[in-house]
Amino acid sequence: MTHPHRIFGARSTTRLAALALVLATLAGCGKEAPKPAPNAVEVMALTIEPRDTPISAEYIAQAQSSQAVNIQARVSGFLDKRVYTEGAVVKAGQVLFKMDPKPFQTQVDAAAAALQRNQASLEVATANLNRTKPLAQQNALSQRDLDDATGQYEQAAAAVAQSKAQLDSAKLDLSYTTITSPVDGVTSYAAIAEGTYLSPQNNQLTTVSVLSPIWINFSLSENEIQRVDNEVKKGLLRLPEDRNMVVEIEQADGRLYPITGRITFADPSYNSQTGTFLIRATVDNPKGVLRPNQYVRARLKGAVRPNAILVPQRAVQQGGQGHFVWLVGKDGKAELRPVTVGDWYQESWFINEGLRAGDQVVVDGVMRLAQGAAVKATAYVPKLAAPAASATATPAARISVLFDSGKATLSKEALTLVQRSAAAMKGQSGPIAITGYADRNGQRAANLDLAKQRALAVQGALVAAGVDVKRLRLVPPAEVTGNGSDDEARRVDIAPGT
């Protein structure tokens, strides 16, 4: 027999369990399920350590002979022969031209004959004087006879001296018919053809230019000199003692000339036509590698920026409010920091304001960051430069990309040129230097900024065309004299770097 209270108890227990389940379900509906913590963004960060940094400045320069000697005929006559090879290097004393010597030899012979005649007259006058003197002392001859004998002797002696001078002059004129180089140097073309009659009106024959030492001339704008002085006064720049800078020479093909020079002259006068001051460096050139009027790049070294802050170029971004970087905050979260950038230095920017020692600047991974995002940072280690191409490889030639006047965007033609260049660069190795050019005339800061923006535009186009950004090196703008529309003042060069 089944007990009624046992049946009731079992049912009550079941109902209570179901009720508890419903209540638990209803209670859970009012709460959200916990979300998993977001994954931290992995980045590489550089810890800022200010340090004294040597810097250099680069300028377009032109070589000039330290002594250019005009070779001119000293006497009038016919040019018989050019002996030297035009454009060849000659030594001091080497024969360059020969004139017809016959008329001058005739003058030598005539002067020699006149000297011989006057010497004979002198001998007669000497003998006459020697006879007259004792007779005059014995009063056998008058004093007048002695005076006449003495006068004849002195006239004959003077005639001999005059004849000797005329003979020396004739011999000197004869020697001038053989024209030699007074210095070691390189010759120019012959300005006078063989057989031409030379006279004071057309006596310029050629030029011999001394090759060693050679002068390297470049110019500094008034604004740049003032900027350097201001930075020195503020302690942002330290120059060597006596401002004795070392000058390195980069040749047209990008190779560095093995001998350095020193600044030996700075023109104190301002050139009102170019708006610049002339600076001259002297460089030894024993092998004649550098030639007069050759265009090169002069790189001044020796200055130092004390306690400078450097950040890799790719770590610096640019937005509507200017340049900025991403930092790893103390709480491990991303922080956007505005910065004021200075000049380029190899593959980095100088940061003038916005960063201090100990800040962690994100170098790689910046594109995935947002303000306040969790960050997992590892130390950034600069990579060594890519190895240079082998000696058998053919280096890429320098390519100049022209921009429209006042613009920093690539035209269709310029973009096509960059893309074609990128196709060749992808099959090569080694760094690539990108150099913008700034007009010295006008507002210097605006011109330099325009040159930098143009270089950045070329860099972006090369990266978009498949060139590894790590191979690209932005070189500080080179200043030239132009009017903003000249090719020199609106170009960006792409060339093998170092």
Protein backbone atom coordinates (compact mmCIF):
# COMPACT_ATOMS: atom_id res chain seq x y z
CA MET A 1 0.00 0.00 0.00
CA THR A 2 1.33 3.33 -0.98
CA HIS A 3 1.40 6.10 1.57
CA PRO A 4 -0.16 9.35 0.42
CA HIS A 5 2.44 11.61 2.13
CA ARG A 6 5.34 9.86 0.38
CA ILE A 7 3.78 10.42 -3.02
CA PHE A 8 3.16 14.06 -2.22
CA GLY A 9 6.72 14.52 -0.98
CA ALA A 10 8.25 13.18 -4.19
CA ARG A 11 6.17 15.43 -6.38
CA SER A 12 6.96 18.46 -4.22
CA THR A 13 10.67 17.79 -4.54
CA THR A 14 10.44 17.61 -8.33
CA ARG A 15 8.47 20.85 -8.51
CA LEU A 16 10.94 22.65 -6.28
CA ALA A 17 13.88 21.58 -8.47
CA ALA A 18 12.13 22.77 -11.62
CA LEU A 19 11.28 26.09 -9.99
CA ALA A 20 14.89 26.60 -8.95
CA LEU A 21 16.05 25.93 -12.51
CA VAL A 22 13.59 28.49 -13.94
CA LEU A 23 14.64 31.10 -11.40
CA ALA A 24 18.31 30.54 -12.19
CA THR A 25 17.63 30.90 -15.91
CA LEU A 26 15.66 34.10 -15.42
CA ALA A 27 18.39 35.54 -13.20
CA GLY A 28 21.03 34.80 -15.85
CA CYS A 29 19.11 36.68 -18.53
CA GLY A 30 19.87 40.02 -16.89
CA LYS A 31 23.71 39.64 -17.11
CA GLU A 32 26.18 39.70 -20.13
CA ALA A 33 28.56 36.84 -20.64
CA PRO A 34 32.15 37.84 -19.77
CA LYS A 35 34.27 38.79 -22.84
CA PRO A 36 37.85 37.53 -23.31
CA ALA A 37 40.60 40.17 -22.83
CA PRO A 38 41.80 41.72 -26.16
CA ASN A 39 45.14 40.52 -27.46
CA ALA A 40 47.97 43.05 -27.05
CA VAL A 41 49.45 44.47 -30.29
CA GLU A 42 53.01 43.27 -30.76
CA VAL A 43 55.34 46.10 -31.71
CA MET A 44 59.05 46.91 -31.71
CA ALA A 45 59.99 50.00 -29.72
CA LEU A 46 63.12 52.12 -29.42
CA THR A 47 64.09 53.57 -26.04
CA ILE A 48 65.18 57.19 -26.47
CA GLU A 49 68.75 57.87 -25.41
CA PRO A 50 69.99 61.40 -26.28
CA ARG A 51 73.58 61.43 -27.45
CA ASP A 52 76.08 63.70 -29.17
CA THR A 53 75.64 63.08 -32.89
CA PRO A 54 78.12 64.14 -35.59
CA ILE A 55 76.38 65.69 -38.56
CA SER A 56 77.37 66.82 -42.02
CA ALA A 57 76.09 69.27 -44.59
CA GLU A 58 76.15 68.62 -48.34
CA TYR A 59 76.39 71.18 -51.13
CA ILE A 60 76.62 71.20 -54.91
CA ALA A 61 80.17 72.31 -55.69
CA GLN A 62 82.42 72.92 -58.66
CA ALA A 63 86.12 72.16 -59.01
CA GLN A 64 88.48 74.92 -60.06
CA SER A 65 92.17 74.89 -60.86
CA SER A 66 94.24 76.51 -58.13
CA GLN A 67 96.39 78.09 -60.85
CA ALA A 68 95.21 78.48 -64.44
CA VAL A 69 98.08 79.89 -66.55
CA ASN A 70 97.37 81.54 -69.88
CA ILE A 71 100.07 80.57 -72.38
CA GLN A 72 100.80 83.57 -74.60
CA ALA A 73 103.37 84.38 -77.26
CA ARG A 74 105.90 86.95 -76.05
CA VAL A 75 107.12 87.97 -79.50
CA SER A 76 105.45 88.54 -82.84
CA GLY A 77 105.99 86.04 -85.61
CA PHE A 78 104.61 83.00 -87.39
CA LEU A 79 103.54 79.91 -85.41
CA ASP A 80 105.36 76.93 -86.89
CA LYS A 81 104.08 73.97 -84.89
CA ARG A 82 101.98 72.78 -81.95
CA VAL A 83 104.07 70.19 -80.13
CA TYR A 84 101.80 69.04 -77.30
CA THR A 85 98.64 66.91 -77.42
CA GLU A 86 95.57 68.97 -76.61
CA GLY A 87 94.03 68.03 -73.26
CA ALA A 88 97.12 66.12 -72.12
CA VAL A 89 98.89 66.52 -68.80
CA VAL A 90 102.23 68.30 -69.17
CA LYS A 91 105.21 68.97 -66.93
CA ALA A 92 106.85 72.30 -66.19
CA GLY A 93 109.35 73.11 -68.97
CA GLN A 94 107.69 70.85 -71.55
CA VAL A 95 107.57 72.39 -75.04
CA LEU A 96 104.06 73.33 -76.21
CA PHE A 97 104.58 75.48 -79.36
CA LYS A 98 107.39 76.48 -81.69
CA MET A 99 107.52 79.70 -83.68
CA ASP A 100 109.58 80.41 -86.81
CA PRO A 101 113.05 81.18 -85.32
CA LYS A 102 114.80 82.42 -88.50
CA PRO A 103 114.03 86.17 -88.15
CA PHE A 104 115.11 86.07 -84.52
CA GLN A 105 118.28 84.14 -85.30
CA THR A 106 119.12 86.84 -87.84
CA GLN A 107 118.74 89.50 -85.13
CA VAL A 108 121.07 87.50 -82.89
CA ASP A 109 123.66 87.27 -85.62
CA ALA A 110 123.41 91.03 -86.34
CA ALA A 111 123.74 91.90 -82.67
CA ALA A 112 126.74 89.58 -82.36
CA ALA A 113 128.42 91.30 -85.36
CA ALA A 114 127.76 94.74 -83.92
CA LEU A 115 129.30 93.65 -80.65
CA GLN A 116 132.38 92.36 -82.44
CA ARG A 117 132.78 95.66 -84.32
CA ASN A 118 132.42 97.72 -81.16
CA GLN A 119 134.86 95.48 -79.32
CA ALA A 120 137.44 96.19 -82.10
CA SER A 121 136.83 99.91 -81.73
CA LEU A 122 137.30 99.56 -78.01
CA GLU A 123 140.65 97.86 -78.49
CA VAL A 124 141.83 100.74 -80.73
CA ALA A 125 140.59 103.33 -78.27
CA THR A 126 142.26 101.50 -75.40
CA ALA A 127 145.61 101.40 -77.21
CA ASN A 128 145.34 105.09 -78.16
CA LEU A 129 144.58 106.05 -74.56
CA ASN A 130 147.51 103.98 -73.28
CA ARG A 131 149.88 105.85 -75.64
CA THR A 132 148.44 109.29 -74.89
CA LYS A 133 148.64 109.13 -71.11
CA PRO A 134 152.48 108.98 -70.73
CA LEU A 135 153.05 111.58 -73.43
CA ALA A 136 150.59 113.94 -71.80
CA GLN A 137 152.39 113.46 -68.48
CA GLN A 138 155.66 114.49 -70.20
CA ASN A 139 153.90 117.51 -71.76
CA ALA A 140 154.62 116.01 -75.16
CA LEU A 141 150.88 116.09 -75.86
CA SER A 142 148.32 118.56 -74.66
CA GLN A 143 145.64 117.92 -72.12
CA ARG A 144 143.10 118.19 -74.92
CA ASP A 145 144.69 115.23 -76.70
CA LEU A 146 144.39 113.23 -73.49
CA ASP A 147 140.75 114.22 -73.07
CA ASP A 148 139.96 113.20 -76.67
CA ALA A 149 141.63 109.82 -76.19
CA THR A 150 139.78 109.27 -72.93
CA GLY A 151 136.42 110.20 -74.51
CA GLN A 152 136.97 107.88 -77.45
CA TYR A 153 137.77 105.03 -75.05
CA GLU A 154 134.67 105.64 -72.96
CA GLN A 155 132.43 105.86 -76.06
CA ALA A 156 133.84 102.59 -77.35
CA ALA A 157 133.32 100.89 -73.97
CA ALA A 158 129.71 102.13 -73.85
CA ALA A 159 129.12 100.88 -77.40
CA VAL A 160 130.37 97.44 -76.37
CA ALA A 161 128.06 97.37 -73.34
CA GLN A 162 125.14 98.42 -75.54
CA SER A 163 125.95 95.72 -78.07
CA LYS A 164 126.08 93.10 -75.36
CA ALA A 165 122.63 94.15 -74.14
CA GLN A 166 121.25 94.06 -77.69
CA LEU A 167 122.73 90.60 -78.18
CA ASP A 168 121.16 89.38 -74.92
CA SER A 169 117.81 90.83 -75.99
CA ALA A 170 118.02 89.15 -79.37
CA LYS A 171 118.89 85.82 -77.74
CA LEU A 172 115.96 86.25 -75.33
CA ASP A 173 113.56 86.90 -78.23
CA LEU A 174 114.94 83.83 -79.95
CA SER A 175 114.31 81.73 -76.84
CA TYR A 176 110.71 82.96 -76.78
CA THR A 177 110.08 81.20 -80.09
CA THR A 178 110.10 77.93 -78.13
CA ILE A 179 107.05 78.16 -75.84
CA THR A 180 107.04 75.88 -72.78
CA SER A 181 104.70 75.25 -69.86
CA PRO A 182 105.64 77.10 -66.66
CA VAL A 183 103.74 74.64 -64.41
CA ASP A 184 102.61 71.02 -64.15
CA GLY A 185 99.01 70.76 -65.26
CA VAL A 186 96.47 69.79 -67.88
CA THR A 187 96.37 71.62 -71.19
CA SER A 188 93.43 73.11 -73.00
CA TYR A 189 92.81 73.22 -76.76
CA ALA A 190 95.09 75.24 -79.04
CA ALA A 191 93.45 78.60 -79.71
CA ILE A 192 95.73 79.46 -82.67
CA ALA A 193 96.25 77.32 -85.77
CA GLU A 194 99.69 76.52 -87.12
CA GLY A 195 100.95 79.08 -89.64
CA THR A 196 99.11 81.99 -88.03
CA TYR A 197 100.99 85.24 -87.51
CA LEU A 198 101.12 86.01 -83.80
CA SER A 199 100.91 89.58 -82.62
CA PRO A 200 99.97 91.37 -79.38
CA GLN A 201 96.34 91.25 -80.56
CA ASN A 202 96.17 87.44 -80.97
CA ASN A 203 98.87 85.97 -78.77
CA GLN A 204 96.67 83.71 -76.57
CA LEU A 205 97.70 80.14 -77.42
CA THR A 206 96.22 77.86 -74.74
CA THR A 207 95.77 77.42 -70.99
CA VAL A 208 97.53 75.08 -68.57
CA SER A 209 95.54 74.37 -65.39
CA VAL A 210 97.24 73.08 -62.25
CA LEU A 211 95.49 69.93 -60.99
CA SER A 212 97.04 69.54 -57.55
CA PRO A 213 96.01 71.09 -55.31
CA ILE A 214 92.57 71.79 -56.72
CA TRP A 215 89.93 74.15 -55.38
CA ILE A 216 86.36 73.08 -54.57
CA ASN A 217 83.98 76.05 -54.63
CA PHE A 218 80.47 76.05 -53.18
CA SER A 219 78.12 78.64 -51.73
CA LEU A 220 76.21 79.17 -48.50
CA SER A 221 73.08 81.29 -48.37
CA GLU A 222 72.79 84.17 -45.96
CA ASN A 223 69.85 82.44 -44.25
CA GLU A 224 71.85 79.26 -43.70
CA ILE A 225 74.81 81.08 -42.19
CA GLN A 226 72.43 82.93 -39.87
CA ARG A 227 70.70 79.66 -38.91
CA VAL A 228 74.00 78.00 -38.05
CA ASP A 229 75.06 80.97 -35.93
CA ASN A 230 71.74 80.91 -34.07
CA GLU A 231 71.95 77.16 -33.38
CA VAL A 232 75.51 77.56 -32.10
CA LYS A 233 74.42 80.34 -29.74
CA LYS A 234 71.50 78.22 -28.46
CA GLY A 235 73.74 75.21 -27.88
CA LEU A 236 71.95 73.10 -30.48
CA LEU A 237 75.06 72.85 -32.64
CA ARG A 238 78.76 72.59 -31.82
CA LEU A 239 81.36 73.40 -34.47
CA PRO A 240 85.03 72.34 -34.42
CA GLU A 241 87.65 74.76 -33.18
CA ASP A 242 88.31 77.62 -35.61
CA ARG A 243 85.42 76.16 -37.65
CA ASN A 244 88.02 74.03 -39.43
CA MET A 245 85.63 71.60 -41.11
CA VAL A 246 86.73 68.48 -42.97
CA VAL A 247 85.50 68.47 -46.57
CA GLU A 248 84.68 65.19 -48.29
CA ILE A 249 84.14 65.09 -52.04
CA GLU A 250 81.49 62.90 -53.65
CA GLN A 251 81.99 62.41 -57.37
CA ALA A 252 79.26 62.36 -60.01
CA ASP A 253 78.94 58.57 -59.90
CA GLY A 254 78.42 58.59 -56.13
CA ARG A 255 81.91 57.40 -55.23
CA LEU A 256 83.73 59.15 -52.41
CA TYR A 257 87.02 60.81 -53.36
CA PRO A 258 89.71 59.22 -51.12
CA ILE A 259 91.41 62.49 -50.06
CA THR A 260 89.70 65.05 -47.83
CA GLY A 261 90.25 68.78 -47.92
CA ARG A 262 90.03 71.85 -45.72
CA ILE A 263 88.28 75.18 -46.09
CA THR A 264 90.93 77.73 -47.02
CA PHE A 265 88.85 80.74 -48.04
CA ALA A 266 85.48 82.24 -47.17
CA ASP A 267 84.45 85.28 -49.16
CA PRO A 268 83.45 88.07 -46.77
CA SER A 269 81.50 89.79 -49.55
CA TYR A 270 77.86 88.98 -50.21
CA ASN A 271 77.01 88.15 -53.83
CA SER A 272 73.85 90.12 -54.56
CA GLN A 273 73.16 88.15 -57.77
CA THR A 274 73.11 84.69 -56.17
CA GLY A 275 72.32 85.68 -52.59
CA THR A 276 75.19 83.59 -51.28
CA PHE A 277 78.73 83.66 -49.88
CA LEU A 278 81.50 81.80 -51.70
CA ILE A 279 83.34 79.09 -49.73
CA ARG A 280 86.50 77.43 -51.05
CA ALA A 281 88.12 74.16 -49.99
CA THR A 282 91.57 73.02 -51.07
CA VAL A 283 92.09 69.32 -51.88
CA ASP A 284 95.20 67.45 -52.99
CA ASN A 285 94.67 65.86 -56.38
CA PRO A 286 97.94 64.04 -57.21
CA LYS A 287 96.43 61.66 -59.79
CA GLY A 288 94.32 64.32 -61.50
CA VAL A 289 91.04 62.53 -60.80
CA LEU A 290 89.23 65.82 -60.22
CA ARG A 291 89.22 68.18 -63.19
CA PRO A 292 88.53 71.94 -63.42
CA ASN A 293 84.84 72.93 -63.79
CA GLN A 294 83.70 69.43 -62.79
CA TYR A 295 80.54 69.33 -60.65
CA VAL A 296 80.82 67.39 -57.40
CA ARG A 297 79.21 67.31 -53.96
CA ALA A 298 81.07 68.83 -51.02
CA ARG A 299 80.22 67.28 -47.65
CA LEU A 300 81.26 69.26 -44.58
CA LYS A 301 82.01 67.17 -41.51
CA GLY A 302 83.06 68.06 -37.99
CA ALA A 303 79.91 69.60 -36.49
CA VAL A 304 78.08 67.88 -33.62
CA ARG A 305 74.52 68.11 -32.30
CA PRO A 306 74.84 67.68 -28.52
CA ASN A 307 72.28 65.47 -26.74
CA ALA A 308 70.39 64.88 -29.97
CA ILE A 309 67.32 62.65 -30.19
CA LEU A 310 67.11 60.45 -33.29
CA VAL A 311 64.09 58.42 -34.38
CA PRO A 312 63.91 56.14 -37.46
CA GLN A 313 62.04 57.77 -40.32
CA ARG A 314 59.33 55.12 -40.51
CA ALA A 315 58.42 55.70 -36.85
CA VAL A 316 57.38 59.30 -37.58
CA GLN A 317 53.89 59.75 -39.00
CA GLN A 318 52.27 62.87 -40.38
CA GLY A 319 48.66 63.93 -39.96
CA GLY A 320 46.56 67.02 -40.29
CA GLN A 321 48.06 68.51 -37.13
CA GLY A 322 51.67 67.78 -38.06
CA HIS A 323 54.14 65.02 -37.22
CA PHE A 324 53.57 62.49 -34.43
CA VAL A 325 54.90 59.20 -33.05
CA TRP A 326 53.39 56.33 -31.07
CA LEU A 327 54.76 55.65 -27.60
CA VAL A 328 54.50 52.70 -25.29
CA GLY A 329 53.14 54.21 -22.08
CA LYS A 330 54.07 53.12 -18.57
CA ASP A 331 50.75 51.26 -18.37
CA GLY A 332 51.63 49.26 -21.49
CA LYS A 333 49.16 51.13 -23.68
CA ALA A 334 49.68 53.04 -26.92
CA GLU A 335 50.00 56.81 -26.66
CA LEU A 336 50.05 59.29 -29.55
CA ARG A 337 52.65 62.06 -29.07
CA PRO A 338 53.03 65.16 -31.34
CA VAL A 339 56.66 65.95 -32.16
CA THR A 340 58.62 68.68 -33.91
CA VAL A 341 61.06 67.24 -36.42
CA GLY A 342 64.34 68.73 -37.56
CA ASP A 343 66.67 67.63 -40.32
CA TRP A 344 67.11 64.15 -41.73
CA TYR A 345 70.07 62.12 -40.56
CA GLN A 346 70.79 59.00 -42.60
CA GLU A 347 67.62 56.90 -41.99
CA SER A 348 66.37 58.93 -39.02
CA TRP A 349 64.84 62.25 -38.04
CA PHE A 350 66.23 64.67 -35.52
CA ILE A 351 63.42 65.36 -33.03
CA ASN A 352 63.62 68.92 -31.70
CA GLU A 353 60.61 68.78 -29.39
CA GLY A 354 58.17 66.20 -27.99
CA LEU A 355 60.45 63.41 -26.76
CA ARG A 356 62.75 62.94 -23.80
CA ALA A 357 65.14 60.32 -22.49
CA GLY A 358 63.48 57.03 -21.58
CA ASP A 359 60.47 57.36 -23.90
CA GLN A 360 59.69 54.19 -25.84
CA VAL A 361 58.91 55.03 -29.47
CA VAL A 362 57.17 52.41 -31.60
CA VAL A 363 59.17 51.75 -34.78
CA ASP A 364 57.52 48.65 -36.28
CA GLY A 365 53.79 47.96 -35.96
CA VAL A 366 52.52 51.55 -35.92
CA MET A 367 49.80 50.87 -38.51
CA ARG A 368 47.89 48.58 -36.08
CA LEU A 369 47.85 50.99 -33.14
CA ALA A 370 45.05 53.09 -31.72
CA GLN A 371 44.98 55.42 -28.75
CA GLY A 372 44.95 53.36 -25.53
CA ALA A 373 45.46 50.01 -27.25
CA ALA A 374 47.29 47.36 -25.24
CA VAL A 375 50.83 46.96 -26.48
CA LYS A 376 53.39 44.20 -26.14
CA ALA A 377 56.75 45.77 -26.94
CA THR A 378 60.07 44.20 -27.79
CA ALA A 379 63.31 46.12 -28.18
CA TYR A 380 64.01 47.55 -31.62
CA VAL A 381 67.47 46.68 -32.94
CA PRO A 382 68.63 48.63 -36.02
CA LYS A 383 69.56 46.32 -38.84
CA LEU A 384 72.87 46.53 -40.63
CA ALA A 385 72.86 48.14 -44.04
CA ALA A 386 72.33 45.79 -46.94
CA PRO A 387 75.59 44.51 -48.44
CA ALA A 388 76.91 46.40 -51.42
CA ALA A 389 76.52 44.94 -54.88
CA SER A 390 79.37 42.76 -56.10
CA ALA A 391 82.19 44.27 -58.09
CA THR A 392 80.87 42.64 -61.25
CA ALA A 393 77.40 44.10 -60.87
CA THR A 394 76.52 47.23 -62.79
CA PRO A 395 75.34 49.96 -60.37
CA ALA A 396 72.21 51.86 -61.19
CA ALA A 397 72.72 55.30 -62.66
CA ARG A 398 71.51 58.47 -61.00
CA ILE A 399 67.94 59.31 -62.02
CA SER A 400 66.46 62.79 -61.71
CA VAL A 401 62.71 63.14 -61.19
CA LEU A 402 61.35 66.59 -62.03
CA PHE A 403 58.37 68.14 -60.24
CA ASP A 404 56.13 70.93 -61.39
CA SER A 405 57.11 74.32 -59.98
CA GLY A 406 55.88 74.74 -56.40
CA LYS A 407 54.29 71.25 -56.22
CA ALA A 408 55.22 68.13 -54.27
CA THR A 409 53.03 65.63 -56.13
CA LEU A 410 54.33 63.46 -58.95
CA SER A 411 53.05 64.22 -62.41
CA LYS A 412 52.01 61.36 -64.68
CA GLU A 413 55.33 61.45 -66.52
CA ALA A 414 57.35 61.60 -63.28
CA LEU A 415 55.38 58.71 -61.77
CA THR A 416 56.03 56.60 -64.86
CA LEU A 417 59.76 57.34 -64.56
CA VAL A 418 59.78 56.32 -60.88
CA GLN A 419 57.90 53.10 -61.62
CA ARG A 420 60.32 52.17 -64.38
CA SER A 421 63.23 52.87 -62.05
CA ALA A 422 61.64 50.72 -59.34
CA ALA A 423 61.38 47.78 -61.75
CA ALA A 424 65.17 47.88 -62.20
CA MET A 425 65.88 48.44 -58.51
CA LYS A 426 63.91 45.40 -57.37
CA GLY A 427 66.43 43.15 -59.09
CA GLN A 428 69.39 44.78 -57.31
CA SER A 429 70.66 45.05 -53.75
CA GLY A 430 72.16 47.80 -51.65
CA PRO A 431 70.82 51.11 -50.32
CA ILE A 432 69.22 53.77 -52.48
CA ALA A 433 69.67 57.47 -51.71
CA ILE A 434 66.83 59.93 -52.39
CA THR A 435 67.89 63.58 -52.51
CA GLY A 436 65.57 66.56 -52.94
CA TYR A 437 66.83 69.98 -54.01
CA ALA A 438 65.87 73.29 -52.42
CA ASP A 439 66.07 76.69 -54.05
CA ARG A 440 68.35 79.07 -52.13
CA ASN A 441 66.28 82.06 -53.24
CA GLY A 442 63.12 83.00 -51.36
CA GLN A 443 62.05 81.56 -48.01
CA ARG A 444 64.59 78.95 -47.04
CA ALA A 445 62.39 77.02 -44.60
CA ALA A 446 59.56 76.71 -47.13
CA ASN A 447 61.96 75.64 -49.89
CA LEU A 448 63.57 72.99 -47.71
CA ASP A 449 60.18 71.66 -46.64
CA LEU A 450 59.08 71.47 -50.28
CA ALA A 451 62.24 69.51 -51.13
CA LYS A 452 61.58 67.08 -48.25
CA GLN A 453 57.95 66.56 -49.32
CA ARG A 454 59.07 65.83 -52.87
CA ALA A 455 61.60 63.27 -51.62
CA LEU A 456 58.89 61.64 -49.50
CA ALA A 457 56.62 61.48 -52.55
CA VAL A 458 59.34 59.67 -54.53
CA GLN A 459 59.98 57.32 -51.60
CA GLY A 460 56.28 56.50 -51.37
CA ALA A 461 56.05 55.81 -55.09
CA LEU A 462 59.07 53.49 -54.98
CA VAL A 463 57.61 51.56 -52.03
CA ALA A 464 54.26 51.29 -53.80
CA ALA A 465 56.09 49.90 -56.82
CA GLY A 466 57.64 47.12 -54.73
CA VAL A 467 61.01 48.52 -53.57
CA ASP A 468 61.87 47.52 -50.00
CA VAL A 469 61.50 50.58 -47.80
CA LYS A 470 64.52 49.48 -45.75
CA ARG A 471 66.73 50.10 -48.77
CA LEU A 472 65.58 53.69 -49.18
CA ARG A 473 67.57 56.45 -47.48
CA LEU A 474 66.30 60.04 -47.45
CA VAL A 475 69.26 62.42 -47.80
CA PRO A 476 69.03 65.98 -46.41
CA PRO A 477 68.03 68.41 -49.18
CA ALA A 478 70.83 69.98 -51.20
CA GLU A 479 70.50 73.71 -51.81
CA VAL A 480 71.00 75.16 -55.27
CA THR A 481 70.57 78.57 -56.84
CA GLY A 482 67.53 78.80 -59.08
CA ASN A 483 64.21 80.54 -59.48
CA GLY A 484 61.94 77.65 -58.49
CA SER A 485 61.26 76.60 -62.05
CA ASP A 486 64.81 75.61 -63.00
CA ASP A 487 65.46 71.87 -63.27
CA GLU A 488 68.16 72.16 -60.59
CA ALA A 489 65.70 73.64 -58.08
CA ARG A 490 62.77 71.26 -58.63
CA ARG A 491 64.30 67.83 -58.95
CA VAL A 492 64.74 64.75 -56.76
CA ASP A 493 67.67 62.43 -57.45
CA ILE A 494 67.53 58.65 -57.02
CA ALA A 495 70.98 57.08 -56.85
CA PRO A 496 72.91 54.18 -55.29
CA GLY A 497 73.56 55.08 -51.67
CA THR A 498 76.20 54.22 -49.11
